[in-house]
ModelCIF file with pLDDT and N, C-alpha, C, O atoms, coordinates in Angstrom:
data_MODEL
#
_entry.id   MODEL 
#
_entity.id                         1 
_entity.type                       polymer 
_entity.pdbx_number_of_molecules   1 
#
_entity_poly.entity_id                      1 
_entity_poly.type                           'polypeptide(L)' 
_entity_poly.nstd_linkage                   no 
_entity_poly.nstd_monomer                   no 
_entity_poly.pdbx_seq_one_letter_code       LKPEDTAVYYCNVKGVSYGASWSGYDSWGQ 
_entity_poly.pdbx_seq_one_letter_code_can   LKPEDTAVYYCNVKGVSYGASWSGYDSWGQ 
_entity_poly.pdbx_strand_id                 A 
#
loop_
_entity_poly_seq.entity_id 
_entity_poly_seq.num 
_entity_poly_seq.mon_id 
_entity_poly_seq.hetero 
1 1  LEU n 
1 2  LYS n 
1 3  PRO n 
1 4  GLU n 
1 5  ASP n 
1 6  THR n 
1 7  ALA n 
1 8  VAL n 
1 9  TYR n 
1 10 TYR n 
1 11 CYS n 
1 12 ASN n 
1 13 VAL n 
1 14 LYS n 
1 15 GLY n 
1 16 VAL n 
1 17 SER n 
1 18 TYR n 
1 19 GLY n 
1 20 ALA n 
1 21 SER n 
1 22 TRP n 
1 23 SER n 
1 24 GLY n 
1 25 TYR n 
1 26 ASP n 
1 27 SER n 
1 28 TRP n 
1 29 GLY n 
1 30 GLN n 
#
_struct_asym.id          A 
_struct_asym.entity_id   1 
#
loop_
_ma_qa_metric.id 
_ma_qa_metric.mode 
_ma_qa_metric.name 
_ma_qa_metric.software_group_id 
_ma_qa_metric.type 
1 global pLDDT . pLDDT 
2 local  pLDDT . pLDDT 
#
_ma_qa_metric_global.metric_id      1 
_ma_qa_metric_global.metric_value   95.13 
_ma_qa_metric_global.model_id       1 
_ma_qa_metric_global.ordinal_id     1 
#
loop_
_ma_qa_metric_local.label_asym_id 
_ma_qa_metric_local.label_comp_id 
_ma_qa_metric_local.label_seq_id 
_ma_qa_metric_local.metric_id 
_ma_qa_metric_local.metric_value 
_ma_qa_metric_local.model_id 
_ma_qa_metric_local.ordinal_id 
A LEU 1  2 98.00 1 1  
A LYS 2  2 97.00 1 2  
A PRO 3  2 97.00 1 3  
A GLU 4  2 96.00 1 4  
A ASP 5  2 97.00 1 5  
A THR 6  2 98.00 1 6  
A ALA 7  2 98.00 1 7  
A VAL 8  2 98.00 1 8  
A TYR 9  2 98.00 1 9  
A TYR 10 2 98.00 1 10 
A CYS 11 2 98.00 1 11 
A ASN 12 2 98.00 1 12 
A VAL 13 2 98.00 1 13 
A LYS 14 2 97.00 1 14 
A GLY 15 2 96.00 1 15 
A VAL 16 2 96.00 1 16 
A SER 17 2 95.00 1 17 
A TYR 18 2 92.00 1 18 
A GLY 19 2 83.00 1 19 
A ALA 20 2 81.00 1 20 
A SER 21 2 85.00 1 21 
A TRP 22 2 90.00 1 22 
A SER 23 2 93.00 1 23 
A GLY 24 2 95.00 1 24 
A TYR 25 2 95.00 1 25 
A ASP 26 2 97.00 1 26 
A SER 27 2 97.00 1 27 
A TRP 28 2 98.00 1 28 
A GLY 29 2 98.00 1 29 
A GLN 30 2 97.00 1 30 
#
loop_
_atom_site.group_PDB 
_atom_site.id 
_atom_site.type_symbol 
_atom_site.label_atom_id 
_atom_site.label_alt_id 
_atom_site.label_comp_id 
_atom_site.label_asym_id 
_atom_site.label_entity_id 
_atom_site.label_seq_id 
_atom_site.pdbx_PDB_ins_code 
_atom_site.Cartn_x 
_atom_site.Cartn_y 
_atom_site.Cartn_z 
_atom_site.occupancy 
_atom_site.B_iso_or_equiv 
_atom_site.pdbx_formal_charge 
_atom_site.auth_seq_id 
_atom_site.auth_comp_id 
_atom_site.auth_asym_id 
_atom_site.auth_atom_id 
_atom_site.pdbx_PDB_model_num 
ATOM 1   N N  . LEU A 1 1  ? -10.681 -11.965 -16.670 1.00 98.00 ? 1  LEU A N  1 
ATOM 2   C CA . LEU A 1 1  ? -10.473 -12.577 -15.363 1.00 98.00 ? 1  LEU A CA 1 
ATOM 3   C C  . LEU A 1 1  ? -10.724 -14.077 -15.385 1.00 98.00 ? 1  LEU A C  1 
ATOM 4   O O  . LEU A 1 1  ? -11.611 -14.576 -16.077 1.00 98.00 ? 1  LEU A O  1 
ATOM 5   N N  . LYS A 1 2  ? -9.920  -14.767 -14.609 1.00 97.00 ? 2  LYS A N  1 
ATOM 6   C CA . LYS A 1 2  ? -10.003 -16.203 -14.474 1.00 97.00 ? 2  LYS A CA 1 
ATOM 7   C C  . LYS A 1 2  ? -10.333 -16.561 -13.032 1.00 97.00 ? 2  LYS A C  1 
ATOM 8   O O  . LYS A 1 2  ? -10.071 -15.766 -12.129 1.00 97.00 ? 2  LYS A O  1 
ATOM 9   N N  . PRO A 1 3  ? -10.903 -17.741 -12.797 1.00 97.00 ? 3  PRO A N  1 
ATOM 10  C CA . PRO A 1 3  ? -11.195 -18.140 -11.420 1.00 97.00 ? 3  PRO A CA 1 
ATOM 11  C C  . PRO A 1 3  ? -9.977  -18.070 -10.506 1.00 97.00 ? 3  PRO A C  1 
ATOM 12  O O  . PRO A 1 3  ? -10.113 -17.752 -9.325  1.00 97.00 ? 3  PRO A O  1 
ATOM 13  N N  . GLU A 1 4  ? -8.805  -18.358 -11.026 1.00 96.00 ? 4  GLU A N  1 
ATOM 14  C CA . GLU A 1 4  ? -7.604  -18.313 -10.214 1.00 96.00 ? 4  GLU A CA 1 
ATOM 15  C C  . GLU A 1 4  ? -7.193  -16.901 -9.822  1.00 96.00 ? 4  GLU A C  1 
ATOM 16  O O  . GLU A 1 4  ? -6.282  -16.726 -9.012  1.00 96.00 ? 4  GLU A O  1 
ATOM 17  N N  . ASP A 1 5  ? -7.850  -15.894 -10.384 1.00 97.00 ? 5  ASP A N  1 
ATOM 18  C CA . ASP A 1 5  ? -7.611  -14.517 -9.970  1.00 97.00 ? 5  ASP A CA 1 
ATOM 19  C C  . ASP A 1 5  ? -8.363  -14.165 -8.694  1.00 97.00 ? 5  ASP A C  1 
ATOM 20  O O  . ASP A 1 5  ? -8.138  -13.103 -8.114  1.00 97.00 ? 5  ASP A O  1 
ATOM 21  N N  . THR A 1 6  ? -9.246  -15.039 -8.259  1.00 98.00 ? 6  THR A N  1 
ATOM 22  C CA . THR A 1 6  ? -10.015 -14.796 -7.048  1.00 98.00 ? 6  THR A CA 1 
ATOM 23  C C  . THR A 1 6  ? -9.084  -14.640 -5.852  1.00 98.00 ? 6  THR A C  1 
ATOM 24  O O  . THR A 1 6  ? -8.279  -15.523 -5.557  1.00 98.00 ? 6  THR A O  1 
ATOM 25  N N  . ALA A 1 7  ? -9.203  -13.511 -5.173  1.00 98.00 ? 7  ALA A N  1 
ATOM 26  C CA . ALA A 1 7  ? -8.333  -13.218 -4.043  1.00 98.00 ? 7  ALA A CA 1 
ATOM 27  C C  . ALA A 1 7  ? -8.746  -11.893 -3.429  1.00 98.00 ? 7  ALA A C  1 
ATOM 28  O O  . ALA A 1 7  ? -9.573  -11.164 -3.977  1.00 98.00 ? 7  ALA A O  1 
ATOM 29  N N  . VAL A 1 8  ? -8.159  -11.602 -2.292  1.00 98.00 ? 8  VAL A N  1 
ATOM 30  C CA . VAL A 1 8  ? -8.241  -10.264 -1.735  1.00 98.00 ? 8  VAL A CA 1 
ATOM 31  C C  . VAL A 1 8  ? -7.066  -9.473  -2.286  1.00 98.00 ? 8  VAL A C  1 
ATOM 32  O O  . VAL A 1 8  ? -5.916  -9.899  -2.185  1.00 98.00 ? 8  VAL A O  1 
ATOM 33  N N  . TYR A 1 9  ? -7.358  -8.341  -2.858  1.00 98.00 ? 9  TYR A N  1 
ATOM 34  C CA . TYR A 1 9  ? -6.335  -7.511  -3.472  1.00 98.00 ? 9  TYR A CA 1 
ATOM 35  C C  . TYR A 1 9  ? -6.000  -6.345  -2.553  1.00 98.00 ? 9  TYR A C  1 
ATOM 36  O O  . TYR A 1 9  ? -6.886  -5.639  -2.073  1.00 98.00 ? 9  TYR A O  1 
ATOM 37  N N  . TYR A 1 10 ? -4.711  -6.158  -2.319  1.00 98.00 ? 10 TYR A N  1 
ATOM 38  C CA . TYR A 1 10 ? -4.222  -5.126  -1.426  1.00 98.00 ? 10 TYR A CA 1 
ATOM 39  C C  . TYR A 1 10 ? -3.374  -4.119  -2.186  1.00 98.00 ? 10 TYR A C  1 
ATOM 40  O O  . TYR A 1 10 ? -2.492  -4.489  -2.961  1.00 98.00 ? 10 TYR A O  1 
ATOM 41  N N  . CYS A 1 11 ? -3.648  -2.868  -1.957  1.00 98.00 ? 11 CYS A N  1 
ATOM 42  C CA . CYS A 1 11 ? -2.827  -1.799  -2.494  1.00 98.00 ? 11 CYS A CA 1 
ATOM 43  C C  . CYS A 1 11 ? -1.683  -1.505  -1.535  1.00 98.00 ? 11 CYS A C  1 
ATOM 44  O O  . CYS A 1 11 ? -1.854  -1.566  -0.318  1.00 98.00 ? 11 CYS A O  1 
ATOM 45  N N  . ASN A 1 12 ? -0.535  -1.191  -2.076  1.00 98.00 ? 12 ASN A N  1 
ATOM 46  C CA . ASN A 1 12 ? 0.635   -0.851  -1.280  1.00 98.00 ? 12 ASN A CA 1 
ATOM 47  C C  . ASN A 1 12 ? 1.311   0.373   -1.874  1.00 98.00 ? 12 ASN A C  1 
ATOM 48  O O  . ASN A 1 12 ? 1.557   0.433   -3.079  1.00 98.00 ? 12 ASN A O  1 
ATOM 49  N N  . VAL A 1 13 ? 1.608   1.341   -1.030  1.00 98.00 ? 13 VAL A N  1 
ATOM 50  C CA . VAL A 1 13 ? 2.263   2.562   -1.469  1.00 98.00 ? 13 VAL A CA 1 
ATOM 51  C C  . VAL A 1 13 ? 3.431   2.859   -0.543  1.00 98.00 ? 13 VAL A C  1 
ATOM 52  O O  . VAL A 1 13 ? 3.288   2.844   0.679   1.00 98.00 ? 13 VAL A O  1 
ATOM 53  N N  . LYS A 1 14 ? 4.567   3.125   -1.126  1.00 97.00 ? 14 LYS A N  1 
ATOM 54  C CA . LYS A 1 14 ? 5.775   3.453   -0.368  1.00 97.00 ? 14 LYS A CA 1 
ATOM 55  C C  . LYS A 1 14 ? 6.292   4.813   -0.802  1.00 97.00 ? 14 LYS A C  1 
ATOM 56  O O  . LYS A 1 14 ? 6.223   5.175   -1.977  1.00 97.00 ? 14 LYS A O  1 
ATOM 57  N N  . GLY A 1 15 ? 6.806   5.553   0.154   1.00 96.00 ? 15 GLY A N  1 
ATOM 58  C CA . GLY A 1 15 ? 7.343   6.857   -0.171  1.00 96.00 ? 15 GLY A CA 1 
ATOM 59  C C  . GLY A 1 15 ? 7.837   7.589   1.049   1.00 96.00 ? 15 GLY A C  1 
ATOM 60  O O  . GLY A 1 15 ? 8.271   6.982   2.028   1.00 96.00 ? 15 GLY A O  1 
ATOM 61  N N  . VAL A 1 16 ? 7.764   8.909   0.977   1.00 96.00 ? 16 VAL A N  1 
ATOM 62  C CA . VAL A 1 16 ? 8.239   9.770   2.049   1.00 96.00 ? 16 VAL A CA 1 
ATOM 63  C C  . VAL A 1 16 ? 7.107   10.688  2.476   1.00 96.00 ? 16 VAL A C  1 
ATOM 64  O O  . VAL A 1 16 ? 6.459   11.314  1.637   1.00 96.00 ? 16 VAL A O  1 
ATOM 65  N N  . SER A 1 17 ? 6.872   10.768  3.760   1.00 95.00 ? 17 SER A N  1 
ATOM 66  C CA . SER A 1 17 ? 5.860   11.651  4.316   1.00 95.00 ? 17 SER A CA 1 
ATOM 67  C C  . SER A 1 17 ? 6.517   12.831  5.016   1.00 95.00 ? 17 SER A C  1 
ATOM 68  O O  . SER A 1 17 ? 7.717   12.828  5.290   1.00 95.00 ? 17 SER A O  1 
ATOM 69  N N  . TYR A 1 18 ? 5.704   13.830  5.294   1.00 92.00 ? 18 TYR A N  1 
ATOM 70  C CA . TYR A 1 18 ? 6.208   15.010  5.989   1.00 92.00 ? 18 TYR A CA 1 
ATOM 71  C C  . TYR A 1 18 ? 5.358   15.293  7.221   1.00 92.00 ? 18 TYR A C  1 
ATOM 72  O O  . TYR A 1 18 ? 4.253   14.771  7.373   1.00 92.00 ? 18 TYR A O  1 
ATOM 73  N N  . GLY A 1 19 ? 5.888   16.111  8.073   1.00 83.00 ? 19 GLY A N  1 
ATOM 74  C CA . GLY A 1 19 ? 5.233   16.494  9.308   1.00 83.00 ? 19 GLY A CA 1 
ATOM 75  C C  . GLY A 1 19 ? 6.244   17.158  10.203  1.00 83.00 ? 19 GLY A C  1 
ATOM 76  O O  . GLY A 1 19 ? 6.964   18.061  9.779   1.00 83.00 ? 19 GLY A O  1 
ATOM 77  N N  . ALA A 1 20 ? 6.301   16.712  11.443  1.00 81.00 ? 20 ALA A N  1 
ATOM 78  C CA . ALA A 1 20 ? 7.325   17.220  12.337  1.00 81.00 ? 20 ALA A CA 1 
ATOM 79  C C  . ALA A 1 20 ? 8.713   16.872  11.815  1.00 81.00 ? 20 ALA A C  1 
ATOM 80  O O  . ALA A 1 20 ? 9.676   17.606  12.034  1.00 81.00 ? 20 ALA A O  1 
ATOM 81  N N  . SER A 1 21 ? 8.797   15.766  11.137  1.00 85.00 ? 21 SER A N  1 
ATOM 82  C CA . SER A 1 21 ? 10.043  15.346  10.513  1.00 85.00 ? 21 SER A CA 1 
ATOM 83  C C  . SER A 1 21 ? 9.715   14.487  9.306   1.00 85.00 ? 21 SER A C  1 
ATOM 84  O O  . SER A 1 21 ? 8.615   13.947  9.191   1.00 85.00 ? 21 SER A O  1 
ATOM 85  N N  . TRP A 1 22 ? 10.671  14.370  8.421   1.00 90.00 ? 22 TRP A N  1 
ATOM 86  C CA . TRP A 1 22 ? 10.495  13.497  7.271   1.00 90.00 ? 22 TRP A CA 1 
ATOM 87  C C  . TRP A 1 22 ? 10.592  12.042  7.713   1.00 90.00 ? 22 TRP A C  1 
ATOM 88  O O  . TRP A 1 22 ? 11.355  11.709  8.619   1.00 90.00 ? 22 TRP A O  1 
ATOM 89  N N  . SER A 1 23 ? 9.837   11.207  7.087   1.00 93.00 ? 23 SER A N  1 
ATOM 90  C CA . SER A 1 23 ? 9.920   9.796   7.381   1.00 93.00 ? 23 SER A CA 1 
ATOM 91  C C  . SER A 1 23 ? 9.430   8.983   6.196   1.00 93.00 ? 23 SER A C  1 
ATOM 92  O O  . SER A 1 23 ? 8.592   9.435   5.416   1.00 93.00 ? 23 SER A O  1 
ATOM 93  N N  . GLY A 1 24 ? 9.958   7.797   6.077   1.00 95.00 ? 24 GLY A N  1 
ATOM 94  C CA . GLY A 1 24 ? 9.472   6.908   5.062   1.00 95.00 ? 24 GLY A CA 1 
ATOM 95  C C  . GLY A 1 24 ? 8.184   6.245   5.513   1.00 95.00 ? 24 GLY A C  1 
ATOM 96  O O  . GLY A 1 24 ? 7.933   6.111   6.711   1.00 95.00 ? 24 GLY A O  1 
ATOM 97  N N  . TYR A 1 25 ? 7.384   5.837   4.569   1.00 95.00 ? 25 TYR A N  1 
ATOM 98  C CA . TYR A 1 25 ? 6.164   5.127   4.901   1.00 95.00 ? 25 TYR A CA 1 
ATOM 99  C C  . TYR A 1 25 ? 5.976   3.941   3.968   1.00 95.00 ? 25 TYR A C  1 
ATOM 100 O O  . TYR A 1 25 ? 6.487   3.912   2.848   1.00 95.00 ? 25 TYR A O  1 
ATOM 101 N N  . ASP A 1 26 ? 5.249   2.994   4.451   1.00 97.00 ? 26 ASP A N  1 
ATOM 102 C CA . ASP A 1 26 ? 4.915   1.789   3.711   1.00 97.00 ? 26 ASP A CA 1 
ATOM 103 C C  . ASP A 1 26 ? 3.484   1.456   4.112   1.00 97.00 ? 26 ASP A C  1 
ATOM 104 O O  . ASP A 1 26 ? 3.251   0.778   5.112   1.00 97.00 ? 26 ASP A O  1 
ATOM 105 N N  . SER A 1 27 ? 2.535   1.935   3.327   1.00 97.00 ? 27 SER A N  1 
ATOM 106 C CA . SER A 1 27 ? 1.126   1.853   3.685   1.00 97.00 ? 27 SER A CA 1 
ATOM 107 C C  . SER A 1 27 ? 0.389   0.803   2.872   1.00 97.00 ? 27 SER A C  1 
ATOM 108 O O  . SER A 1 27 ? 0.700   0.550   1.708   1.00 97.00 ? 27 SER A O  1 
ATOM 109 N N  . TRP A 1 28 ? -0.586  0.208   3.517   1.00 98.00 ? 28 TRP A N  1 
ATOM 110 C CA . TRP A 1 28 ? -1.404  -0.830  2.893   1.00 98.00 ? 28 TRP A CA 1 
ATOM 111 C C  . TRP A 1 28 ? -2.874  -0.465  2.941   1.00 98.00 ? 28 TRP A C  1 
ATOM 112 O O  . TRP A 1 28 ? -3.355  0.116   3.914   1.00 98.00 ? 28 TRP A O  1 
ATOM 113 N N  . GLY A 1 29 ? -3.570  -0.810  1.890   1.00 98.00 ? 29 GLY A N  1 
ATOM 114 C CA . GLY A 1 29 ? -5.008  -0.649  1.874   1.00 98.00 ? 29 GLY A CA 1 
ATOM 115 C C  . GLY A 1 29 ? -5.689  -1.733  2.683   1.00 98.00 ? 29 GLY A C  1 
ATOM 116 O O  . GLY A 1 29 ? -5.044  -2.665  3.164   1.00 98.00 ? 29 GLY A O  1 
ATOM 117 N N  . GLN A 1 30 ? -6.990  -1.604  2.828   1.00 97.00 ? 30 GLN A N  1 
ATOM 118 C CA . GLN A 1 30 ? -7.744  -2.538  3.658   1.00 97.00 ? 30 GLN A CA 1 
ATOM 119 C C  . GLN A 1 30 ? -7.979  -3.883  2.986   1.00 97.00 ? 30 GLN A C  1 
ATOM 120 O O  . GLN A 1 30 ? -8.603  -4.766  3.575   1.00 97.00 ? 30 GLN A O  1 
#
């Protein structure tokens, strides 16, 4: 790791969810 790596890192996941109907999702971590 380098000082320039300092940052807030966010996870992102995209896909398809299920439930009453199928839907795409694009979710982010905190």
